[in-house]
N, C-alpha and C. Protein backbone atom coordinates (compact mmCIF):
# COMPACT_ATOMS: atom_id res chain seq x y z
N MET A 1 16.12 56.40 -35.99
CA MET A 1 17.45 56.20 -35.64
C MET A 1 17.75 54.72 -35.53
N TYR A 2 18.91 54.27 -35.96
CA TYR A 2 19.34 52.92 -35.82
C TYR A 2 20.78 52.85 -35.27
N ALA A 3 21.17 51.69 -34.87
CA ALA A 3 22.53 51.52 -34.36
C ALA A 3 23.12 50.20 -34.82
N VAL A 4 24.42 50.15 -34.84
CA VAL A 4 25.11 48.94 -35.12
C VAL A 4 25.76 48.47 -33.86
N VAL A 5 25.40 47.30 -33.34
CA VAL A 5 25.84 46.82 -32.11
C VAL A 5 26.76 45.57 -32.27
N ARG A 6 27.57 45.27 -31.22
CA ARG A 6 28.42 44.06 -31.36
C ARG A 6 28.12 43.24 -30.15
N THR A 7 27.85 41.93 -30.39
CA THR A 7 27.68 40.99 -29.32
C THR A 7 27.98 39.50 -29.96
N GLY A 8 28.64 38.75 -29.16
CA GLY A 8 29.01 37.40 -29.53
C GLY A 8 29.92 37.36 -30.77
N GLY A 9 30.76 38.36 -31.01
CA GLY A 9 31.68 38.43 -32.05
C GLY A 9 31.05 38.76 -33.41
N LYS A 10 29.79 39.13 -33.37
CA LYS A 10 29.02 39.55 -34.61
C LYS A 10 28.47 40.88 -34.50
N GLN A 11 28.15 41.52 -35.64
CA GLN A 11 27.56 42.88 -35.58
C GLN A 11 26.18 42.77 -36.17
N TYR A 12 25.26 43.63 -35.54
CA TYR A 12 23.83 43.62 -35.93
C TYR A 12 23.42 45.02 -36.05
N LYS A 13 22.59 45.31 -37.13
CA LYS A 13 21.92 46.66 -37.26
C LYS A 13 20.63 46.49 -36.65
N VAL A 14 20.33 47.41 -35.60
CA VAL A 14 19.11 47.36 -34.86
C VAL A 14 18.36 48.70 -34.83
N ALA A 15 17.12 48.64 -34.62
CA ALA A 15 16.34 49.78 -34.45
C ALA A 15 15.36 49.50 -33.27
N LYS A 16 14.65 50.59 -32.73
CA LYS A 16 13.77 50.39 -31.67
C LYS A 16 12.66 49.38 -31.96
N ASP A 17 12.33 48.54 -31.03
CA ASP A 17 11.33 47.51 -31.11
C ASP A 17 11.77 46.38 -32.04
N SER A 18 12.96 46.28 -32.48
CA SER A 18 13.33 45.16 -33.32
C SER A 18 13.76 43.96 -32.40
N VAL A 19 13.47 42.70 -32.95
CA VAL A 19 13.79 41.52 -32.28
C VAL A 19 14.82 40.75 -33.00
N LEU A 20 15.87 40.27 -32.37
CA LEU A 20 16.92 39.53 -33.08
C LEU A 20 17.44 38.45 -32.24
N LYS A 21 17.97 37.38 -32.97
CA LYS A 21 18.62 36.27 -32.31
C LYS A 21 20.08 36.48 -32.30
N VAL A 22 20.67 36.37 -31.06
CA VAL A 22 22.10 36.57 -30.99
C VAL A 22 22.72 35.29 -30.27
N GLU A 23 24.09 35.25 -30.22
CA GLU A 23 24.74 34.17 -29.50
C GLU A 23 24.24 34.30 -28.03
N SER A 24 24.31 33.09 -27.42
CA SER A 24 23.79 32.94 -26.03
C SER A 24 24.39 33.97 -25.09
N LEU A 25 23.54 34.69 -24.25
CA LEU A 25 23.89 35.69 -23.30
C LEU A 25 23.52 35.18 -21.99
N VAL A 26 24.16 35.70 -20.90
CA VAL A 26 23.87 35.39 -19.52
C VAL A 26 22.75 36.29 -19.04
N GLY A 27 21.78 35.68 -18.45
CA GLY A 27 20.65 36.45 -17.88
C GLY A 27 19.39 35.76 -17.96
N ASP A 28 18.42 36.09 -17.08
CA ASP A 28 17.14 35.47 -17.05
C ASP A 28 16.12 36.09 -18.01
N VAL A 29 15.13 35.39 -18.43
CA VAL A 29 14.09 35.96 -19.26
C VAL A 29 13.47 37.07 -18.62
N GLY A 30 13.34 38.23 -19.29
CA GLY A 30 12.72 39.45 -18.73
C GLY A 30 13.75 40.43 -18.18
N SER A 31 15.04 39.98 -18.01
CA SER A 31 16.04 40.95 -17.53
C SER A 31 16.55 41.86 -18.60
N LYS A 32 17.03 43.02 -18.23
CA LYS A 32 17.52 44.02 -19.19
C LYS A 32 19.00 43.98 -19.24
N LEU A 33 19.56 44.42 -20.42
CA LEU A 33 20.96 44.45 -20.55
C LEU A 33 21.30 45.52 -21.67
N ASP A 34 22.51 46.00 -21.61
CA ASP A 34 23.04 47.04 -22.58
C ASP A 34 23.98 46.33 -23.55
N LEU A 35 23.98 46.77 -24.80
CA LEU A 35 24.91 46.23 -25.82
C LEU A 35 25.89 47.36 -26.21
N GLU A 36 27.07 46.86 -26.73
CA GLU A 36 28.09 47.86 -27.11
C GLU A 36 27.73 48.42 -28.54
N VAL A 37 27.78 49.78 -28.63
CA VAL A 37 27.44 50.41 -29.84
C VAL A 37 28.68 50.81 -30.67
N LEU A 38 28.74 50.34 -31.96
CA LEU A 38 29.83 50.65 -32.81
C LEU A 38 29.51 51.87 -33.66
N MET A 39 28.19 52.07 -33.99
CA MET A 39 27.81 53.19 -34.90
C MET A 39 26.40 53.49 -34.61
N LEU A 40 26.15 54.86 -34.70
CA LEU A 40 24.81 55.34 -34.58
C LEU A 40 24.43 55.98 -35.96
N GLY A 41 23.27 55.65 -36.48
CA GLY A 41 22.89 56.12 -37.78
C GLY A 41 21.62 57.05 -37.67
N GLY A 42 21.27 57.75 -38.69
CA GLY A 42 20.21 58.59 -38.67
C GLY A 42 20.51 59.93 -39.35
N ASP A 43 20.02 61.09 -38.88
CA ASP A 43 20.28 62.34 -39.52
C ASP A 43 21.75 62.71 -39.36
N LYS A 44 22.28 62.51 -38.21
CA LYS A 44 23.66 62.82 -37.90
C LYS A 44 24.36 61.52 -37.44
N PRO A 45 24.97 60.79 -38.36
CA PRO A 45 25.61 59.54 -37.96
C PRO A 45 26.88 59.73 -37.15
N LYS A 46 27.06 58.80 -36.22
CA LYS A 46 28.31 58.86 -35.42
C LYS A 46 29.03 57.49 -35.49
N ILE A 47 30.23 57.52 -35.78
CA ILE A 47 31.00 56.24 -35.94
C ILE A 47 32.02 56.27 -34.76
N GLY A 48 32.05 55.16 -34.05
CA GLY A 48 32.96 54.98 -32.90
C GLY A 48 34.28 54.49 -33.28
N ALA A 49 35.28 54.57 -32.34
CA ALA A 49 36.61 54.15 -32.61
C ALA A 49 37.12 53.35 -31.42
N PRO A 50 36.79 52.17 -31.15
CA PRO A 50 35.76 51.30 -31.84
C PRO A 50 34.36 51.49 -31.30
N LEU A 51 34.14 52.03 -30.10
CA LEU A 51 32.80 52.26 -29.58
C LEU A 51 32.45 53.80 -29.47
N VAL A 52 31.15 54.02 -29.63
CA VAL A 52 30.65 55.39 -29.54
C VAL A 52 30.54 55.73 -28.00
N LYS A 53 31.17 56.76 -27.60
CA LYS A 53 31.19 57.07 -26.13
C LYS A 53 29.80 57.56 -25.68
N GLY A 54 29.32 57.07 -24.58
CA GLY A 54 28.10 57.48 -24.02
C GLY A 54 26.83 56.86 -24.66
N ALA A 55 27.01 56.11 -25.74
CA ALA A 55 25.86 55.55 -26.49
C ALA A 55 25.63 54.18 -25.97
N SER A 56 24.31 53.75 -25.86
CA SER A 56 24.02 52.40 -25.46
C SER A 56 22.66 51.98 -26.10
N VAL A 57 22.49 50.70 -26.18
CA VAL A 57 21.25 50.12 -26.68
C VAL A 57 20.71 49.24 -25.55
N GLN A 58 19.49 49.56 -25.12
CA GLN A 58 18.90 48.83 -23.98
C GLN A 58 18.04 47.73 -24.63
N CYS A 59 18.27 46.49 -24.16
CA CYS A 59 17.55 45.30 -24.59
C CYS A 59 16.86 44.52 -23.49
N GLU A 60 15.92 43.71 -23.88
CA GLU A 60 15.25 42.88 -22.89
C GLU A 60 15.34 41.42 -23.41
N ILE A 61 15.74 40.53 -22.52
CA ILE A 61 15.85 39.08 -23.01
C ILE A 61 14.45 38.50 -23.08
N VAL A 62 14.07 38.02 -24.33
CA VAL A 62 12.72 37.41 -24.56
C VAL A 62 12.75 35.92 -24.27
N GLU A 63 13.76 35.21 -24.77
CA GLU A 63 13.85 33.77 -24.63
C GLU A 63 15.22 33.28 -24.87
N HIS A 64 15.48 32.12 -24.30
CA HIS A 64 16.69 31.31 -24.61
C HIS A 64 16.30 30.05 -25.41
N GLY A 65 17.15 29.59 -26.28
CA GLY A 65 16.79 28.39 -27.02
C GLY A 65 17.94 27.76 -27.79
N GLN A 66 17.67 26.77 -28.52
CA GLN A 66 18.60 26.08 -29.31
C GLN A 66 18.16 26.14 -30.84
N GLY A 67 19.11 26.27 -31.73
CA GLY A 67 18.78 26.30 -33.14
C GLY A 67 18.59 24.82 -33.66
N GLU A 68 18.37 24.82 -34.96
CA GLU A 68 18.21 23.55 -35.67
C GLU A 68 19.47 22.69 -35.56
N LYS A 69 19.36 21.35 -35.70
CA LYS A 69 20.55 20.57 -35.65
C LYS A 69 21.26 20.60 -36.94
N VAL A 70 22.56 20.70 -36.87
CA VAL A 70 23.46 20.75 -38.02
C VAL A 70 24.28 19.44 -37.97
N ILE A 71 24.31 18.67 -39.05
CA ILE A 71 25.09 17.47 -39.11
C ILE A 71 26.35 17.69 -39.82
N ALA A 72 27.49 17.25 -39.15
CA ALA A 72 28.80 17.30 -39.81
C ALA A 72 29.20 15.85 -40.02
N PHE A 73 29.20 15.52 -41.36
CA PHE A 73 29.58 14.10 -41.71
C PHE A 73 30.86 14.10 -42.54
N LYS A 74 31.84 13.37 -42.06
CA LYS A 74 33.09 13.29 -42.78
C LYS A 74 33.31 11.83 -43.22
N LYS A 75 33.81 11.69 -44.44
CA LYS A 75 33.99 10.28 -44.94
C LYS A 75 35.23 10.28 -45.78
N LYS A 76 36.01 9.18 -45.60
CA LYS A 76 37.26 8.92 -46.48
C LYS A 76 36.85 7.71 -47.28
N ARG A 77 36.88 7.95 -48.60
CA ARG A 77 36.49 6.88 -49.53
C ARG A 77 37.50 5.75 -49.49
N ARG A 78 36.96 4.54 -49.76
CA ARG A 78 37.66 3.33 -49.82
C ARG A 78 38.49 3.01 -48.52
N LYS A 79 38.20 3.59 -47.46
CA LYS A 79 38.88 3.34 -46.13
C LYS A 79 37.97 2.72 -45.06
N ASN A 80 36.67 2.70 -45.42
CA ASN A 80 35.65 2.23 -44.42
C ASN A 80 35.66 3.08 -43.21
N THR A 81 35.85 4.49 -43.36
CA THR A 81 36.01 5.40 -42.25
C THR A 81 35.00 6.55 -42.43
N HIS A 82 34.21 6.80 -41.45
CA HIS A 82 33.39 7.93 -41.42
C HIS A 82 33.08 8.42 -40.01
N ARG A 83 32.68 9.70 -39.92
CA ARG A 83 32.41 10.26 -38.61
C ARG A 83 31.15 11.17 -38.79
N LYS A 84 30.25 11.01 -37.83
CA LYS A 84 29.01 11.83 -37.96
C LYS A 84 28.90 12.54 -36.54
N ARG A 85 28.80 13.83 -36.62
CA ARG A 85 28.56 14.56 -35.38
C ARG A 85 27.41 15.60 -35.61
N GLY A 86 26.69 15.81 -34.53
CA GLY A 86 25.56 16.76 -34.65
C GLY A 86 25.88 17.97 -33.69
N HIS A 87 25.26 19.10 -33.97
CA HIS A 87 25.44 20.30 -33.17
C HIS A 87 24.14 21.09 -33.17
N ARG A 88 23.75 21.71 -32.02
CA ARG A 88 22.69 22.61 -31.93
C ARG A 88 23.18 23.87 -31.22
N GLN A 89 23.24 24.96 -31.87
CA GLN A 89 23.80 26.22 -31.33
C GLN A 89 22.77 26.88 -30.40
N HIS A 90 23.26 27.28 -29.20
CA HIS A 90 22.46 28.04 -28.30
C HIS A 90 22.34 29.45 -28.76
N PHE A 91 21.16 30.03 -28.49
CA PHE A 91 20.89 31.40 -28.86
C PHE A 91 20.01 32.14 -27.84
N THR A 92 20.02 33.37 -27.87
CA THR A 92 19.14 34.24 -27.00
C THR A 92 18.41 35.22 -27.85
N THR A 93 17.11 35.31 -27.73
CA THR A 93 16.28 36.29 -28.50
C THR A 93 16.16 37.51 -27.61
N VAL A 94 16.52 38.71 -28.20
CA VAL A 94 16.38 39.98 -27.43
C VAL A 94 15.49 40.94 -28.21
N LYS A 95 14.86 41.78 -27.46
CA LYS A 95 14.04 42.91 -28.03
C LYS A 95 14.64 44.20 -27.66
N VAL A 96 14.87 45.05 -28.63
CA VAL A 96 15.47 46.36 -28.39
C VAL A 96 14.41 47.31 -27.84
N LEU A 97 14.68 47.90 -26.66
CA LEU A 97 13.75 48.77 -26.02
C LEU A 97 14.01 50.20 -26.29
N GLY A 98 15.32 50.56 -26.56
CA GLY A 98 15.55 51.92 -26.91
C GLY A 98 17.11 52.12 -27.22
N ILE A 99 17.35 53.29 -27.84
CA ILE A 99 18.73 53.62 -28.23
C ILE A 99 19.03 54.99 -27.64
N THR A 100 20.07 55.15 -26.89
CA THR A 100 20.42 56.50 -26.37
C THR A 100 21.80 56.86 -27.01
N ALA A 101 21.80 58.07 -27.45
CA ALA A 101 22.97 58.57 -28.22
C ALA A 101 24.05 59.09 -27.28
N GLY A 102 23.68 59.43 -25.99
CA GLY A 102 24.66 60.04 -25.12
C GLY A 102 24.84 61.56 -25.42
N LYS A 103 25.95 62.06 -24.93
CA LYS A 103 26.21 63.49 -25.12
C LYS A 103 26.82 63.77 -26.45
N GLU A 104 26.63 64.89 -27.03
CA GLU A 104 27.12 65.25 -28.35
C GLU A 104 28.66 65.53 -28.31
């Protein structure tokens, strides 16, 4: 069984014991949380409108971190003008502990 979950404005396809990097979430390392389920797949798929009622995905926070630095460099030719900015996106690594389908 797999599920499509929504967090941080993005959608992820997850299965039991999968590990994924998502947008930064609130919580301590080792704490548990539930994610919104948009679709359940498998033998009998269920599609939510927009969420599947009673379904949930239990996750555990593994770590918090920052991604690689991305440089945004803008330049206007012949004007002696440029701007350089760096950015490191925060992320949270979560491990999926289980998927519950809820009531039929």
